[in-house]
């Protein structure tokens, strides 16, 4: 994960560049040479804050289509019922 550093002036002049850099990793915004803010994607923010996803969101995450899932077949045994 790459960390990019931008001055607040650079951020104001080229927000698109900062947003693109945030896709690769956090962007540290400096004010008078000192770190003051961090720009990140909303997905990264959710991951860091531990926001819980619902099942549909979790199953629609990118990359899950490459995941092999082959659970063993359940065997359910029947039994005789005595109705006497």
C-alpha atoms as a PDB file:
ATOM      1  CA  UNK A   1       0.000   0.000   0.000  1.00  0.00           C
ATOM      2  CA  UNK A   2       1.542   3.259  -1.153  1.00  0.00           C
ATOM      3  CA  UNK A   3       1.303   6.378   1.009  1.00  0.00           C
ATOM      4  CA  UNK A   4       1.208   9.699  -0.801  1.00  0.00           C
ATOM      5  CA  UNK A   5       1.867  13.083   0.756  1.00  0.00           C
ATOM      6  CA  UNK A   6       0.333  16.314  -0.566  1.00  0.00           C
ATOM      7  CA  UNK A   7       0.360  19.841   0.754  1.00  0.00           C
ATOM      8  CA  UNK A   8      -3.010  21.454   1.364  1.00  0.00           C
ATOM      9  CA  UNK A   9      -2.251  23.781  -1.556  1.00  0.00           C
ATOM     10  CA  UNK A  10      -1.602  20.806  -3.885  1.00  0.00           C
ATOM     11  CA  UNK A  11      -4.855  19.229  -2.732  1.00  0.00           C
ATOM     12  CA  UNK A  12      -6.818  22.407  -3.488  1.00  0.00           C
ATOM     13  CA  UNK A  13      -5.298  22.675  -6.964  1.00  0.00           C
ATOM     14  CA  UNK A  14      -5.725  19.025  -7.999  1.00  0.00           C
ATOM     15  CA  UNK A  15      -8.406  17.134  -6.054  1.00  0.00           C
ATOM     16  CA  UNK A  16      -8.648  14.550  -8.847  1.00  0.00           C
ATOM     17  CA  UNK A  17      -5.005  13.608  -8.378  1.00  0.00           C
ATOM     18  CA  UNK A  18      -5.549  13.197  -4.634  1.00  0.00           C
ATOM     19  CA  UNK A  19      -8.606  10.981  -5.179  1.00  0.00           C
ATOM     20  CA  UNK A  20      -6.702   8.826  -7.657  1.00  0.00           C
ATOM     21  CA  UNK A  21      -3.791   8.498  -5.222  1.00  0.00           C
ATOM     22  CA  UNK A  22      -6.230   7.463  -2.468  1.00  0.00           C
ATOM     23  CA  UNK A  23      -7.200   4.424  -4.566  1.00  0.00           C
ATOM     24  CA  UNK A  24      -3.642   3.125  -4.080  1.00  0.00           C
ATOM     25  CA  UNK A  25      -3.363   4.005  -0.382  1.00  0.00           C
ATOM     26  CA  UNK A  26      -3.741   6.777   2.171  1.00  0.00           C
ATOM     27  CA  UNK A  27      -2.963  10.352   1.177  1.00  0.00           C
ATOM     28  CA  UNK A  28      -1.422  12.444   3.957  1.00  0.00           C
ATOM     29  CA  UNK A  29      -2.357  16.114   3.672  1.00  0.00           C
ATOM     30  CA  UNK A  30       0.170  18.475   5.220  1.00  0.00           C
ATOM     31  CA  UNK A  31      -0.405  21.990   6.495  1.00  0.00           C
ATOM     32  CA  UNK A  32       2.732  24.090   6.925  1.00  0.00           C
ATOM     33  CA  UNK A  33       4.863  20.971   6.597  1.00  0.00           C
ATOM     34  CA  UNK A  34       3.058  18.975   9.303  1.00  0.00           C
ATOM     35  CA  UNK A  35       0.593  16.122   8.688  1.00  0.00           C
ATOM     36  CA  UNK A  36      -2.924  17.346   9.376  1.00  0.00           C
ATOM     37  CA  UNK A  37      -5.402  15.068   7.553  1.00  0.00           C
ATOM     38  CA  UNK A  38      -5.602  11.750   5.755  1.00  0.00           C
ATOM     39  CA  UNK A  39      -7.630  11.081   2.611  1.00  0.00           C
ATOM     40  CA  UNK A  40      -8.736   7.504   1.916  1.00  0.00           C
ATOM     41  CA  UNK A  41     -11.425   5.703  -0.016  1.00  0.00           C
ATOM     42  CA  UNK A  42     -14.767   5.157   1.666  1.00  0.00           C
ATOM     43  CA  UNK A  43     -14.246   1.396   1.430  1.00  0.00           C
ATOM     44  CA  UNK A  44     -11.000   1.688   3.380  1.00  0.00           C
ATOM     45  CA  UNK A  45     -12.746   3.893   5.946  1.00  0.00           C
ATOM     46  CA  UNK A  46     -15.455   1.257   6.419  1.00  0.00           C
ATOM     47  CA  UNK A  47     -12.818  -1.453   6.814  1.00  0.00           C
ATOM     48  CA  UNK A  48     -10.923   0.531   9.439  1.00  0.00           C
ATOM     49  CA  UNK A  49     -14.011   1.518  11.413  1.00  0.00           C
ATOM     50  CA  UNK A  50     -15.323  -2.051  11.450  1.00  0.00           C
ATOM     51  CA  UNK A  51     -18.679  -1.253   9.885  1.00  0.00           C
ATOM     52  CA  UNK A  52     -20.594  -4.479   9.558  1.00  0.00           C
ATOM     53  CA  UNK A  53     -21.907  -5.422   6.157  1.00  0.00           C
ATOM     54  CA  UNK A  54     -25.065  -7.287   5.448  1.00  0.00           C
ATOM     55  CA  UNK A  55     -24.841 -10.670   3.763  1.00  0.00           C
ATOM     56  CA  UNK A  56     -25.657  -9.340   0.290  1.00  0.00           C
ATOM     57  CA  UNK A  57     -22.883  -6.714   0.512  1.00  0.00           C
ATOM     58  CA  UNK A  58     -20.404  -9.265   1.821  1.00  0.00           C
ATOM     59  CA  UNK A  59     -21.166 -11.747  -0.967  1.00  0.00           C
ATOM     60  CA  UNK A  60     -20.925  -9.064  -3.657  1.00  0.00           C
ATOM     61  CA  UNK A  61     -17.389  -8.044  -2.658  1.00  0.00           C
ATOM     62  CA  UNK A  62     -14.907  -7.988  -5.547  1.00  0.00           C
ATOM     63  CA  UNK A  63     -12.698 -11.052  -5.829  1.00  0.00           C
ATOM     64  CA  UNK A  64     -15.112 -13.535  -4.288  1.00  0.00           C
ATOM     65  CA  UNK A  65     -15.900 -15.082  -7.655  1.00  0.00           C
ATOM     66  CA  UNK A  66     -12.402 -16.615  -7.596  1.00  0.00           C
ATOM     67  CA  UNK A  67     -13.053 -18.302  -4.252  1.00  0.00           C
ATOM     68  CA  UNK A  68     -13.699 -22.051  -4.383  1.00  0.00           C
ATOM     69  CA  UNK A  69     -16.365 -23.204  -1.954  1.00  0.00           C
ATOM     70  CA  UNK A  70     -17.386 -26.842  -2.002  1.00  0.00           C
ATOM     71  CA  UNK A  71     -18.918 -27.831   1.341  1.00  0.00           C
ATOM     72  CA  UNK A  72     -19.524 -31.509   2.043  1.00  0.00           C
ATOM     73  CA  UNK A  73     -23.034 -32.726   1.274  1.00  0.00           C
ATOM     74  CA  UNK A  74     -25.193 -33.196   4.349  1.00  0.00           C
ATOM     75  CA  UNK A  75     -26.639 -36.632   4.862  1.00  0.00           C
ATOM     76  CA  UNK A  76     -29.930 -36.623   6.728  1.00  0.00           C
ATOM     77  CA  UNK A  77     -31.005 -40.008   7.991  1.00  0.00           C
ATOM     78  CA  UNK A  78     -34.711 -40.715   8.200  1.00  0.00           C
ATOM     79  CA  UNK A  79     -36.279 -42.809  10.883  1.00  0.00           C
ATOM     80  CA  UNK A  80     -39.471 -44.749  11.197  1.00  0.00           C
ATOM     81  CA  UNK A  81     -42.374 -43.045  12.926  1.00  0.00           C
ATOM     82  CA  UNK A  82     -44.559 -45.076  15.277  1.00  0.00           C
ATOM     83  CA  UNK A  83     -48.100 -43.663  15.239  1.00  0.00           C
ATOM     84  CA  UNK A  84     -49.678 -46.449  17.278  1.00  0.00           C
END
